[in-house]
PDB file of N, CA and C in Angstrom:
ATOM      1  N   MET A   1       0.846  -1.187   0.000  1.00  0.00           N
ATOM      2  CA  MET A   1       0.000   0.000   0.000  1.00  0.00           C
ATOM      3  C   MET A   1       0.887   1.245   0.000  1.00  0.00           C
ATOM      4  N   ALA A   2       0.590   2.183  -0.865  1.00  0.00           N
ATOM      5  CA  ALA A   2       1.366   3.418  -0.971  1.00  0.00           C
ATOM      6  C   ALA A   2       1.091   4.328   0.220  1.00  0.00           C
ATOM      7  N   LYS A   3       2.132   5.015   0.665  1.00  0.00           N
ATOM      8  CA  LYS A   3       1.986   5.960   1.765  1.00  0.00           C
ATOM      9  C   LYS A   3       1.207   7.179   1.285  1.00  0.00           C
ATOM     10  N   GLN A   4       0.187   7.536   2.037  1.00  0.00           N
ATOM     11  CA  GLN A   4      -0.629   8.696   1.691  1.00  0.00           C
ATOM     12  C   GLN A   4       0.125   9.971   2.084  1.00  0.00           C
ATOM     13  N   LYS A   5       0.082  10.965   1.229  1.00  0.00           N
ATOM     14  CA  LYS A   5       0.783  12.219   1.477  1.00  0.00           C
ATOM     15  C   LYS A   5      -0.111  13.201   2.216  1.00  0.00           C
ATOM     16  N   LYS A   6       0.544  14.162   2.854  1.00  0.00           N
ATOM     17  CA  LYS A   6      -0.184  15.240   3.524  1.00  0.00           C
ATOM     18  C   LYS A   6      -0.846  16.108   2.463  1.00  0.00           C
ATOM     19  N   GLN A   7      -2.084  16.505   2.708  1.00  0.00           N
ATOM     20  CA  GLN A   7      -2.814  17.407   1.822  1.00  0.00           C
ATOM     21  C   GLN A   7      -3.162  18.670   2.604  1.00  0.00           C
ATOM     22  N   TYR A   8      -3.314  19.754   1.890  1.00  0.00           N
ATOM     23  CA  TYR A   8      -3.724  21.026   2.493  1.00  0.00           C
ATOM     24  C   TYR A   8      -5.055  21.414   1.872  1.00  0.00           C
ATOM     25  N   THR A   9      -6.060  21.580   2.716  1.00  0.00           N
ATOM     26  CA  THR A   9      -7.425  21.806   2.246  1.00  0.00           C
ATOM     27  C   THR A   9      -7.916  23.186   2.660  1.00  0.00           C
ATOM     28  N   VAL A  10      -8.462  23.920   1.695  1.00  0.00           N
ATOM     29  CA  VAL A  10      -9.113  25.202   1.975  1.00  0.00           C
ATOM     30  C   VAL A  10     -10.495  24.864   2.536  1.00  0.00           C
ATOM     31  N   VAL A  11     -10.791  25.423   3.718  1.00  0.00           N
ATOM     32  CA  VAL A  11     -12.014  25.082   4.434  1.00  0.00           C
ATOM     33  C   VAL A  11     -12.790  26.359   4.754  1.00  0.00           C
ATOM     34  N   GLU A  12     -14.080  26.370   4.434  1.00  0.00           N
ATOM     35  CA  GLU A  12     -14.970  27.462   4.853  1.00  0.00           C
ATOM     36  C   GLU A  12     -15.635  27.053   6.157  1.00  0.00           C
ATOM     37  N   ASN A  13     -15.968  28.041   6.991  1.00  0.00           N
ATOM     38  CA  ASN A  13     -16.571  27.827   8.305  1.00  0.00           C
ATOM     39  C   ASN A  13     -15.701  26.924   9.170  1.00  0.00           C
ATOM     40  N   ALA A  14     -14.402  27.083   9.061  1.00  0.00           N
ATOM     41  CA  ALA A  14     -13.461  26.243   9.803  1.00  0.00           C
ATOM     42  C   ALA A  14     -13.722  26.333  11.303  1.00  0.00           C
ATOM     43  N   GLY A  15     -13.948  25.185  11.906  1.00  0.00           N
ATOM     44  CA  GLY A  15     -14.198  25.120  13.340  1.00  0.00           C
ATOM     45  C   GLY A  15     -15.631  25.417  13.741  1.00  0.00           C
ATOM     46  N   TYR A  16     -16.500  25.623  12.790  1.00  0.00           N
ATOM     47  CA  TYR A  16     -17.895  25.942  13.070  1.00  0.00           C
ATOM     48  C   TYR A  16     -18.819  24.886  12.464  1.00  0.00           C
ATOM     49  N   GLU A  17     -20.085  24.959  12.851  1.00  0.00           N
ATOM     50  CA  GLU A  17     -21.093  24.096  12.251  1.00  0.00           C
ATOM     51  C   GLU A  17     -21.103  24.335  10.745  1.00  0.00           C
ATOM     52  N   ARG A  18     -21.343  23.309   9.979  1.00  0.00           N
ATOM     53  CA  ARG A  18     -21.353  23.365   8.507  1.00  0.00           C
ATOM     54  C   ARG A  18     -19.976  23.656   7.916  1.00  0.00           C
ATOM     55  N   GLU A  19     -18.931  23.185   8.597  1.00  0.00           N
ATOM     56  CA  GLU A  19     -17.585  23.286   8.036  1.00  0.00           C
ATOM     57  C   GLU A  19     -17.604  22.613   6.672  1.00  0.00           C
ATOM     58  N   CYS A  20     -16.965  23.233   5.691  1.00  0.00           N
ATOM     59  CA  CYS A  20     -17.059  22.733   4.319  1.00  0.00           C
ATOM     60  C   CYS A  20     -15.697  22.764   3.632  1.00  0.00           C
ATOM     61  N   ASP A  21     -15.222  21.584   3.204  1.00  0.00           N
ATOM     62  CA  ASP A  21     -13.986  21.517   2.424  1.00  0.00           C
ATOM     63  C   ASP A  21     -14.260  22.070   1.034  1.00  0.00           C
ATOM     64  N   VAL A  22     -13.389  22.955   0.570  1.00  0.00           N
ATOM     65  CA  VAL A  22     -13.579  23.593  -0.727  1.00  0.00           C
ATOM     66  C   VAL A  22     -12.674  22.970  -1.789  1.00  0.00           C
ATOM     67  N   ARG A  23     -11.372  22.893  -1.489  1.00  0.00           N
ATOM     68  CA  ARG A  23     -10.435  22.352  -2.478  1.00  0.00           C
ATOM     69  C   ARG A  23      -9.143  21.948  -1.781  1.00  0.00           C
ATOM     70  N   SER A  24      -8.522  20.865  -2.230  1.00  0.00           N
ATOM     71  CA  SER A  24      -7.290  20.374  -1.617  1.00  0.00           C
ATOM     72  C   SER A  24      -6.099  20.521  -2.561  1.00  0.00           C
ATOM     73  N   PHE A  25      -4.913  20.660  -1.941  1.00  0.00           N
ATOM     74  CA  PHE A  25      -3.671  20.860  -2.677  1.00  0.00           C
ATOM     75  C   PHE A  25      -2.567  20.030  -2.042  1.00  0.00           C
ATOM     76  N   GLY A  26      -1.518  19.787  -2.806  1.00  0.00           N
ATOM     77  CA  GLY A  26      -0.380  19.026  -2.320  1.00  0.00           C
ATOM     78  C   GLY A  26       0.614  19.843  -1.518  1.00  0.00           C
ATOM     79  N   SER A  27       0.490  21.177  -1.572  1.00  0.00           N
ATOM     80  CA  SER A  27       1.407  22.023  -0.794  1.00  0.00           C
ATOM     81  C   SER A  27       0.638  23.168  -0.145  1.00  0.00           C
ATOM     82  N   PHE A  28       1.186  23.623   0.984  1.00  0.00           N
ATOM     83  CA  PHE A  28       0.579  24.736   1.706  1.00  0.00           C
ATOM     84  C   PHE A  28       0.595  25.999   0.845  1.00  0.00           C
ATOM     85  N   SER A  29       1.714  26.236   0.147  1.00  0.00           N
ATOM     86  CA  SER A  29       1.817  27.456  -0.668  1.00  0.00           C
ATOM     87  C   SER A  29       0.797  27.466  -1.803  1.00  0.00           C
ATOM     88  N   ASP A  30       0.516  26.307  -2.403  1.00  0.00           N
ATOM     89  CA  ASP A  30      -0.511  26.251  -3.453  1.00  0.00           C
ATOM     90  C   ASP A  30      -1.894  26.549  -2.883  1.00  0.00           C
ATOM     91  N   ALA A  31      -2.165  26.046  -1.685  1.00  0.00           N
ATOM     92  CA  ALA A  31      -3.464  26.308  -1.042  1.00  0.00           C
ATOM     93  C   ALA A  31      -3.627  27.792  -0.739  1.00  0.00           C
ATOM     94  N   ILE A  32      -2.570  28.426  -0.242  1.00  0.00           N
ATOM     95  CA  ILE A  32      -2.611  29.864   0.055  1.00  0.00           C
ATOM     96  C   ILE A  32      -2.805  30.674  -1.223  1.00  0.00           C
ATOM     97  N   LYS A  33      -2.066  30.345  -2.268  1.00  0.00           N
ATOM     98  CA  LYS A  33      -2.195  31.073  -3.538  1.00  0.00           C
ATOM     99  C   LYS A  33      -3.616  30.989  -4.079  1.00  0.00           C
ATOM    100  N   TRP A  34      -4.199  29.781  -4.042  1.00  0.00           N
ATOM    101  CA  TRP A  34      -5.561  29.615  -4.552  1.00  0.00           C
ATOM    102  C   TRP A  34      -6.547  30.388  -3.690  1.00  0.00           C
ATOM    103  N   ARG A  35      -6.428  30.260  -2.357  1.00  0.00           N
ATOM    104  CA  ARG A  35      -7.324  30.992  -1.452  1.00  0.00           C
ATOM    105  C   ARG A  35      -7.267  32.484  -1.721  1.00  0.00           C
ATOM    106  N   ASP A  36      -6.057  33.020  -1.869  1.00  0.00           N
ATOM    107  CA  ASP A  36      -5.890  34.459  -2.063  1.00  0.00           C
ATOM    108  C   ASP A  36      -6.405  34.940  -3.417  1.00  0.00           C
ATOM    109  N   SER A  37      -6.434  34.056  -4.406  1.00  0.00           N
ATOM    110  CA  SER A  37      -6.966  34.448  -5.709  1.00  0.00           C
ATOM    111  C   SER A  37      -8.478  34.241  -5.802  1.00  0.00           C
ATOM    112  N   TYR A  38      -9.028  33.367  -4.958  1.00  0.00           N
ATOM    113  CA  TYR A  38     -10.450  33.027  -5.020  1.00  0.00           C
ATOM    114  C   TYR A  38     -11.302  33.894  -4.098  1.00  0.00           C
ATOM    115  N   TYR A  39     -10.778  34.234  -2.925  1.00  0.00           N
ATOM    116  CA  TYR A  39     -11.537  34.997  -1.926  1.00  0.00           C
ATOM    117  C   TYR A  39     -10.990  36.406  -1.779  1.00  0.00           C
ATOM    118  N   LEU A  40     -11.876  37.348  -1.528  1.00  0.00           N
ATOM    119  CA  LEU A  40     -11.485  38.696  -1.128  1.00  0.00           C
ATOM    120  C   LEU A  40     -11.065  38.642   0.336  1.00  0.00           C
ATOM    121  N   ASP A  41     -10.269  39.604   0.786  1.00  0.00           N
ATOM    122  CA  ASP A  41      -9.793  39.607   2.176  1.00  0.00           C
ATOM    123  C   ASP A  41     -10.937  39.550   3.184  1.00  0.00           C
ATOM    124  N   ASP A  42     -12.003  40.326   2.956  1.00  0.00           N
ATOM    125  CA  ASP A  42     -13.109  40.325   3.911  1.00  0.00           C
ATOM    126  C   ASP A  42     -13.887  39.005   3.882  1.00  0.00           C
ATOM    127  N   GLU A  43     -13.868  38.293   2.761  1.00  0.00           N
ATOM    128  CA  GLU A  43     -14.518  36.979   2.683  1.00  0.00           C
ATOM    129  C   GLU A  43     -13.752  35.942   3.500  1.00  0.00           C
ATOM    130  N   VAL A  44     -12.428  36.033   3.492  1.00  0.00           N
ATOM    131  CA  VAL A  44     -11.621  35.101   4.284  1.00  0.00           C
ATOM    132  C   VAL A  44     -12.033  35.199   5.749  1.00  0.00           C
ATOM    133  N   GLU A  45     -12.245  36.418   6.223  1.00  0.00           N
ATOM    134  CA  GLU A  45     -12.637  36.614   7.617  1.00  0.00           C
ATOM    135  C   GLU A  45     -14.103  36.245   7.855  1.00  0.00           C
ATOM    136  N   SER A  46     -14.999  36.741   7.032  1.00  0.00           N
ATOM    137  CA  SER A  46     -16.427  36.518   7.280  1.00  0.00           C
ATOM    138  C   SER A  46     -16.855  35.071   7.052  1.00  0.00           C
ATOM    139  N   LEU A  47     -16.179  34.370   6.147  1.00  0.00           N
ATOM    140  CA  LEU A  47     -16.506  32.963   5.878  1.00  0.00           C
ATOM    141  C   LEU A  47     -15.639  32.013   6.697  1.00  0.00           C
ATOM    142  N   HIS A  48     -14.769  32.558   7.555  1.00  0.00           N
ATOM    143  CA  HIS A  48     -13.878  31.757   8.401  1.00  0.00           C
ATOM    144  C   HIS A  48     -13.089  30.748   7.568  1.00  0.00           C
ATOM    145  N   VAL A  49     -12.430  31.254   6.529  1.00  0.00           N
ATOM    146  CA  VAL A  49     -11.647  30.408   5.630  1.00  0.00           C
ATOM    147  C   VAL A  49     -10.271  30.157   6.253  1.00  0.00           C
ATOM    148  N   GLN A  50      -9.910  28.880   6.373  1.00  0.00           N
ATOM    149  CA  GLN A  50      -8.603  28.494   6.878  1.00  0.00           C
ATOM    150  C   GLN A  50      -8.044  27.381   6.010  1.00  0.00           C
ATOM    151  N   ILE A  51      -6.766  27.114   6.202  1.00  0.00           N
ATOM    152  CA  ILE A  51      -6.112  26.004   5.516  1.00  0.00           C
ATOM    153  C   ILE A  51      -5.900  24.901   6.551  1.00  0.00           C
ATOM    154  N   ALA A  52      -6.425  23.729   6.264  1.00  0.00           N
ATOM    155  CA  ALA A  52      -6.247  22.577   7.149  1.00  0.00           C
ATOM    156  C   ALA A  52      -5.193  21.653   6.575  1.00  0.00           C
ATOM    157  N   ALA A  53      -4.397  21.055   7.452  1.00  0.00           N
ATOM    158  CA  ALA A  53      -3.443  20.023   7.037  1.00  0.00           C
ATOM    159  C   ALA A  53      -4.103  18.679   7.309  1.00  0.00           C
ATOM    160  N   ASP A  54      -4.363  17.924   6.240  1.00  0.00           N
ATOM    161  CA  ASP A  54      -4.909  16.577   6.355  1.00  0.00           C
ATOM    162  C   ASP A  54      -3.724  15.623   6.371  1.00  0.00           C
ATOM    163  N   LEU A  55      -3.508  14.987   7.515  1.00  0.00           N
ATOM    164  CA  LEU A  55      -2.327  14.166   7.739  1.00  0.00           C
ATOM    165  C   LEU A  55      -2.520  12.736   7.233  1.00  0.00           C
ATOM    166  N   PRO A  56      -1.412  12.061   6.933  1.00  0.00           N
ATOM    167  CA  PRO A  56      -1.499  10.697   6.385  1.00  0.00           C
ATOM    168  C   PRO A  56      -2.253   9.712   7.284  1.00  0.00           C
ATOM    169  N   ASP A  57      -2.311   9.961   8.599  1.00  0.00           N
ATOM    170  CA  ASP A  57      -3.019   9.048   9.496  1.00  0.00           C
ATOM    171  C   ASP A  57      -4.533   9.283   9.514  1.00  0.00           C
ATOM    172  N   GLY A  58      -5.005  10.244   8.698  1.00  0.00           N
ATOM    173  CA  GLY A  58      -6.439  10.524   8.616  1.00  0.00           C
ATOM    174  C   GLY A  58      -6.902  11.663   9.520  1.00  0.00           C
ATOM    175  N   SER A  59      -6.010  12.196  10.350  1.00  0.00           N
ATOM    176  CA  SER A  59      -6.390  13.306  11.224  1.00  0.00           C
ATOM    177  C   SER A  59      -6.213  14.633  10.485  1.00  0.00           C
ATOM    178  N   ARG A  60      -6.761  15.669  11.090  1.00  0.00           N
ATOM    179  CA  ARG A  60      -6.707  17.005  10.497  1.00  0.00           C
ATOM    180  C   ARG A  60      -6.280  18.000  11.564  1.00  0.00           C
ATOM    181  N   THR A  61      -5.468  18.956  11.163  1.00  0.00           N
ATOM    182  CA  THR A  61      -5.059  20.011  12.089  1.00  0.00           C
ATOM    183  C   THR A  61      -5.028  21.349  11.369  1.00  0.00           C
ATOM    184  N   TYR A  62      -5.264  22.395  12.129  1.00  0.00           N
ATOM    185  CA  TYR A  62      -5.121  23.763  11.623  1.00  0.00           C
ATOM    186  C   TYR A  62      -3.848  24.383  12.197  1.00  0.00           C
ATOM    187  N   GLU A  63      -3.108  23.616  13.002  1.00  0.00           N
ATOM    188  CA  GLU A  63      -1.892  24.083  13.650  1.00  0.00           C
ATOM    189  C   GLU A  63      -0.695  23.378  13.025  1.00  0.00           C
ATOM    190  N   TYR A  64       0.196  24.116  12.390  1.00  0.00           N
ATOM    191  CA  TYR A  64       1.412  23.511  11.843  1.00  0.00           C
ATOM    192  C   TYR A  64       2.478  24.536  11.659  1.00  0.00           C
TER     193      TYR A  64
END
């Protein structure tokens, strides 16, 4: 079985009810670039957009 790689996922409503994964990337910098091109600054705050690290063991963290 191949080792699963870490993914970085753009998440709306991060940490709140109705948390929603939007799009995943293989690198943190790609996730940031996409987020910054897709959302306006005030949308990042009002929609609680964060980047989550999806770890190979199946867990998720916003701290890295």
